[in-house]
Amino acid sequence: MMFKATQLSSGRWGIFNGSRLLATVGSQQALNLMKLQLPGELILVEDQQHVSDNR
């Protein structure tokens, strides 16, 4: 299963499965720790348009 991480308009990072927001992460350091836990499954999408954080 592949997950995508993109920076939200709030400045937090969103973890997505397709278009479904699964979680938000507050820092680049926390995102890096998640990447260590999900090697090859979590990809960083930097050039995506800002996504709203509906929380």
PDB file of N, CA and C in Angstrom:
ATOM      1  N   MET A   1       0.853  -1.176   0.000  1.00  0.00           N
ATOM      2  CA  MET A   1       0.000   0.000   0.000  1.00  0.00           C
ATOM      3  C   MET A   1       0.897   1.237   0.000  1.00  0.00           C
ATOM      4  N   MET A   2       0.524   2.214  -0.793  1.00  0.00           N
ATOM      5  CA  MET A   2       1.304   3.447  -0.881  1.00  0.00           C
ATOM      6  C   MET A   2       0.564   4.592  -0.204  1.00  0.00           C
ATOM      7  N   PHE A   3       1.315   5.396   0.511  1.00  0.00           N
ATOM      8  CA  PHE A   3       0.782   6.584   1.168  1.00  0.00           C
ATOM      9  C   PHE A   3       1.536   7.794   0.634  1.00  0.00           C
ATOM     10  N   LYS A   4       0.856   8.916   0.521  1.00  0.00           N
ATOM     11  CA  LYS A   4       1.491  10.151   0.058  1.00  0.00           C
ATOM     12  C   LYS A   4       1.432  11.188   1.167  1.00  0.00           C
ATOM     13  N   ALA A   5       2.505  11.939   1.302  1.00  0.00           N
ATOM     14  CA  ALA A   5       2.569  13.025   2.282  1.00  0.00           C
ATOM     15  C   ALA A   5       2.694  14.338   1.526  1.00  0.00           C
ATOM     16  N   THR A   6       1.870  15.299   1.886  1.00  0.00           N
ATOM     17  CA  THR A   6       1.935  16.619   1.265  1.00  0.00           C
ATOM     18  C   THR A   6       1.688  17.679   2.326  1.00  0.00           C
ATOM     19  N   GLN A   7       2.280  18.842   2.133  1.00  0.00           N
ATOM     20  CA  GLN A   7       2.107  19.910   3.110  1.00  0.00           C
ATOM     21  C   GLN A   7       0.744  20.562   2.912  1.00  0.00           C
ATOM     22  N   LEU A   8      -0.001  20.691   3.992  1.00  0.00           N
ATOM     23  CA  LEU A   8      -1.331  21.286   3.966  1.00  0.00           C
ATOM     24  C   LEU A   8      -1.238  22.800   4.070  1.00  0.00           C
ATOM     25  N   SER A   9      -2.324  23.472   3.773  1.00  0.00           N
ATOM     26  CA  SER A   9      -2.339  24.938   3.842  1.00  0.00           C
ATOM     27  C   SER A   9      -2.100  25.436   5.264  1.00  0.00           C
ATOM     28  N   SER A  10      -2.357  24.586   6.262  1.00  0.00           N
ATOM     29  CA  SER A  10      -2.139  24.959   7.662  1.00  0.00           C
ATOM     30  C   SER A  10      -0.664  24.883   8.059  1.00  0.00           C
ATOM     31  N   GLY A  11       0.177  24.320   7.176  1.00  0.00           N
ATOM     32  CA  GLY A  11       1.590  24.142   7.493  1.00  0.00           C
ATOM     33  C   GLY A  11       1.902  22.750   8.001  1.00  0.00           C
ATOM     34  N   ARG A  12       0.888  21.997   8.396  1.00  0.00           N
ATOM     35  CA  ARG A  12       1.079  20.619   8.837  1.00  0.00           C
ATOM     36  C   ARG A  12       1.247  19.727   7.613  1.00  0.00           C
ATOM     37  N   TRP A  13       1.639  18.484   7.822  1.00  0.00           N
ATOM     38  CA  TRP A  13       1.771  17.505   6.748  1.00  0.00           C
ATOM     39  C   TRP A  13       0.590  16.556   6.811  1.00  0.00           C
ATOM     40  N   GLY A  14      -0.010  16.279   5.677  1.00  0.00           N
ATOM     41  CA  GLY A  14      -1.111  15.329   5.594  1.00  0.00           C
ATOM     42  C   GLY A  14      -0.626  14.023   4.996  1.00  0.00           C
ATOM     43  N   ILE A  15      -1.069  12.911   5.573  1.00  0.00           N
ATOM     44  CA  ILE A  15      -0.758  11.585   5.058  1.00  0.00           C
ATOM     45  C   ILE A  15      -2.025  11.068   4.381  1.00  0.00           C
ATOM     46  N   PHE A  16      -1.926  10.755   3.100  1.00  0.00           N
ATOM     47  CA  PHE A  16      -3.087  10.390   2.292  1.00  0.00           C
ATOM     48  C   PHE A  16      -2.964   8.979   1.743  1.00  0.00           C
ATOM     49  N   ASN A  17      -4.107   8.311   1.636  1.00  0.00           N
ATOM     50  CA  ASN A  17      -4.254   7.073   0.881  1.00  0.00           C
ATOM     51  C   ASN A  17      -5.208   7.432  -0.243  1.00  0.00           C
ATOM     52  N   GLY A  18      -4.670   7.672  -1.428  1.00  0.00           N
ATOM     53  CA  GLY A  18      -5.481   8.217  -2.516  1.00  0.00           C
ATOM     54  C   GLY A  18      -5.864   9.644  -2.162  1.00  0.00           C
ATOM     55  N   SER A  19      -7.150   9.949  -2.173  1.00  0.00           N
ATOM     56  CA  SER A  19      -7.600  11.295  -1.802  1.00  0.00           C
ATOM     57  C   SER A  19      -8.074  11.362  -0.354  1.00  0.00           C
ATOM     58  N   ARG A  20      -7.978  10.259   0.360  1.00  0.00           N
ATOM     59  CA  ARG A  20      -8.456  10.195   1.749  1.00  0.00           C
ATOM     60  C   ARG A  20      -7.355  10.598   2.730  1.00  0.00           C
ATOM     61  N   LEU A  21      -7.636  11.622   3.541  1.00  0.00           N
ATOM     62  CA  LEU A  21      -6.689  12.070   4.564  1.00  0.00           C
ATOM     63  C   LEU A  21      -6.740  11.104   5.739  1.00  0.00           C
ATOM     64  N   LEU A  22      -5.611  10.469   6.041  1.00  0.00           N
ATOM     65  CA  LEU A  22      -5.544   9.498   7.128  1.00  0.00           C
ATOM     66  C   LEU A  22      -5.054  10.113   8.429  1.00  0.00           C
ATOM     67  N   ALA A  23      -4.115  11.051   8.315  1.00  0.00           N
ATOM     68  CA  ALA A  23      -3.518  11.637   9.516  1.00  0.00           C
ATOM     69  C   ALA A  23      -2.837  12.944   9.152  1.00  0.00           C
ATOM     70  N   THR A  24      -2.602  13.764  10.166  1.00  0.00           N
ATOM     71  CA  THR A  24      -1.782  14.954   9.982  1.00  0.00           C
ATOM     72  C   THR A  24      -0.597  14.871  10.928  1.00  0.00           C
ATOM     73  N   VAL A  25       0.511  15.449  10.485  1.00  0.00           N
ATOM     74  CA  VAL A  25       1.759  15.443  11.243  1.00  0.00           C
ATOM     75  C   VAL A  25       2.224  16.885  11.342  1.00  0.00           C
ATOM     76  N   GLY A  26       2.683  17.287  12.518  1.00  0.00           N
ATOM     77  CA  GLY A  26       2.993  18.685  12.761  1.00  0.00           C
ATOM     78  C   GLY A  26       4.370  19.164  12.370  1.00  0.00           C
ATOM     79  N   SER A  27       5.293  18.263  12.047  1.00  0.00           N
ATOM     80  CA  SER A  27       6.649  18.730  11.757  1.00  0.00           C
ATOM     81  C   SER A  27       7.332  17.837  10.729  1.00  0.00           C
ATOM     82  N   GLN A  28       8.364  18.382  10.113  1.00  0.00           N
ATOM     83  CA  GLN A  28       9.176  17.612   9.167  1.00  0.00           C
ATOM     84  C   GLN A  28       9.864  16.459   9.889  1.00  0.00           C
ATOM     85  N   GLN A  29      10.283  16.677  11.133  1.00  0.00           N
ATOM     86  CA  GLN A  29      10.952  15.623  11.902  1.00  0.00           C
ATOM     87  C   GLN A  29      10.014  14.439  12.131  1.00  0.00           C
ATOM     88  N   ALA A  30       8.760  14.708  12.481  1.00  0.00           N
ATOM     89  CA  ALA A  30       7.784  13.633  12.679  1.00  0.00           C
ATOM     90  C   ALA A  30       7.522  12.900  11.366  1.00  0.00           C
ATOM     91  N   LEU A  31       7.469  13.639  10.273  1.00  0.00           N
ATOM     92  CA  LEU A  31       7.275  13.023   8.961  1.00  0.00           C
ATOM     93  C   LEU A  31       8.453  12.107   8.624  1.00  0.00           C
ATOM     94  N   ASN A  32       9.664  12.546   8.921  1.00  0.00           N
ATOM     95  CA  ASN A  32      10.848  11.718   8.668  1.00  0.00           C
ATOM     96  C   ASN A  32      10.802  10.430   9.478  1.00  0.00           C
ATOM     97  N   LEU A  33      10.317  10.488  10.710  1.00  0.00           N
ATOM     98  CA  LEU A  33      10.179   9.278  11.527  1.00  0.00           C
ATOM     99  C   LEU A  33       9.155   8.325  10.917  1.00  0.00           C
ATOM    100  N   MET A  34       8.074   8.869  10.377  1.00  0.00           N
ATOM    101  CA  MET A  34       7.078   8.031   9.710  1.00  0.00           C
ATOM    102  C   MET A  34       7.676   7.365   8.474  1.00  0.00           C
ATOM    103  N   LYS A  35       8.518   8.090   7.740  1.00  0.00           N
ATOM    104  CA  LYS A  35       9.155   7.522   6.554  1.00  0.00           C
ATOM    105  C   LYS A  35      10.057   6.350   6.935  1.00  0.00           C
ATOM    106  N   LEU A  36      10.681   6.419   8.117  1.00  0.00           N
ATOM    107  CA  LEU A  36      11.504   5.304   8.589  1.00  0.00           C
ATOM    108  C   LEU A  36      10.648   4.081   8.908  1.00  0.00           C
ATOM    109  N   GLN A  37       9.439   4.311   9.415  1.00  0.00           N
ATOM    110  CA  GLN A  37       8.537   3.216   9.768  1.00  0.00           C
ATOM    111  C   GLN A  37       7.862   2.598   8.541  1.00  0.00           C
ATOM    112  N   LEU A  38       7.754   3.359   7.473  1.00  0.00           N
ATOM    113  CA  LEU A  38       7.076   2.901   6.250  1.00  0.00           C
ATOM    114  C   LEU A  38       8.019   3.000   5.052  1.00  0.00           C
ATOM    115  N   PRO A  39       9.164   2.327   5.094  1.00  0.00           N
ATOM    116  CA  PRO A  39      10.117   2.460   3.987  1.00  0.00           C
ATOM    117  C   PRO A  39       9.507   1.960   2.680  1.00  0.00           C
ATOM    118  N   GLY A  40       9.605   2.772   1.655  1.00  0.00           N
ATOM    119  CA  GLY A  40       9.077   2.402   0.356  1.00  0.00           C
ATOM    120  C   GLY A  40       7.574   2.555   0.213  1.00  0.00           C
ATOM    121  N   GLU A  41       6.877   2.872   1.291  1.00  0.00           N
ATOM    122  CA  GLU A  41       5.422   3.007   1.236  1.00  0.00           C
ATOM    123  C   GLU A  41       4.954   4.451   1.358  1.00  0.00           C
ATOM    124  N   LEU A  42       5.789   5.332   1.905  1.00  0.00           N
ATOM    125  CA  LEU A  42       5.416   6.729   2.097  1.00  0.00           C
ATOM    126  C   LEU A  42       6.251   7.591   1.161  1.00  0.00           C
ATOM    127  N   ILE A  43       5.574   8.327   0.276  1.00  0.00           N
ATOM    128  CA  ILE A  43       6.286   9.209  -0.643  1.00  0.00           C
ATOM    129  C   ILE A  43       5.895  10.653  -0.362  1.00  0.00           C
ATOM    130  N   LEU A  44       6.830  11.543  -0.559  1.00  0.00           N
ATOM    131  CA  LEU A  44       6.616  12.967  -0.321  1.00  0.00           C
ATOM    132  C   LEU A  44       6.222  13.639  -1.626  1.00  0.00           C
ATOM    133  N   VAL A  45       5.101  14.339  -1.616  1.00  0.00           N
ATOM    134  CA  VAL A  45       4.623  15.075  -2.788  1.00  0.00           C
ATOM    135  C   VAL A  45       4.763  16.546  -2.457  1.00  0.00           C
ATOM    136  N   GLU A  46       5.746  17.216  -3.087  1.00  0.00           N
ATOM    137  CA  GLU A  46       6.031  18.606  -2.739  1.00  0.00           C
ATOM    138  C   GLU A  46       5.347  19.615  -3.643  1.00  0.00           C
ATOM    139  N   ASP A  47       5.039  19.243  -4.876  1.00  0.00           N
ATOM    140  CA  ASP A  47       4.523  20.229  -5.817  1.00  0.00           C
ATOM    141  C   ASP A  47       3.008  20.178  -5.982  1.00  0.00           C
ATOM    142  N   GLN A  48       2.322  19.461  -5.109  1.00  0.00           N
ATOM    143  CA  GLN A  48       0.862  19.402  -5.170  1.00  0.00           C
ATOM    144  C   GLN A  48       0.279  20.727  -4.691  1.00  0.00           C
ATOM    145  N   GLN A  49      -0.851  21.123  -5.260  1.00  0.00           N
ATOM    146  CA  GLN A  49      -1.516  22.338  -4.803  1.00  0.00           C
ATOM    147  C   GLN A  49      -1.890  22.162  -3.341  1.00  0.00           C
ATOM    148  N   HIS A  50      -1.955  23.276  -2.619  1.00  0.00           N
ATOM    149  CA  HIS A  50      -2.290  23.203  -1.201  1.00  0.00           C
ATOM    150  C   HIS A  50      -3.622  22.509  -0.996  1.00  0.00           C
ATOM    151  N   VAL A  51      -3.638  21.617  -0.034  1.00  0.00           N
ATOM    152  CA  VAL A  51      -4.838  20.857   0.307  1.00  0.00           C
ATOM    153  C   VAL A  51      -5.375  21.426   1.606  1.00  0.00           C
ATOM    154  N   SER A  52      -6.660  21.559   1.710  1.00  0.00           N
ATOM    155  CA  SER A  52      -7.267  22.093   2.936  1.00  0.00           C
ATOM    156  C   SER A  52      -7.168  21.075   4.051  1.00  0.00           C
ATOM    157  N   ASP A  53      -6.926  21.543   5.239  1.00  0.00           N
ATOM    158  CA  ASP A  53      -6.935  20.713   6.436  1.00  0.00           C
ATOM    159  C   ASP A  53      -8.275  20.958   7.105  1.00  0.00           C
ATOM    160  N   ASN A  54      -9.181  20.016   7.002  1.00  0.00           N
ATOM    161  CA  ASN A  54     -10.553  20.199   7.473  1.00  0.00           C
ATOM    162  C   ASN A  54     -10.737  19.849   8.936  1.00  0.00           C
ATOM    163  N   ARG A  55      -9.694  19.911   9.730  1.00  0.00           N
ATOM    164  CA  ARG A  55      -9.823  19.582  11.157  1.00  0.00           C
ATOM    165  C   ARG A  55     -10.085  20.810  11.958  1.00  0.00           C
TER     166      ARG A  55
END
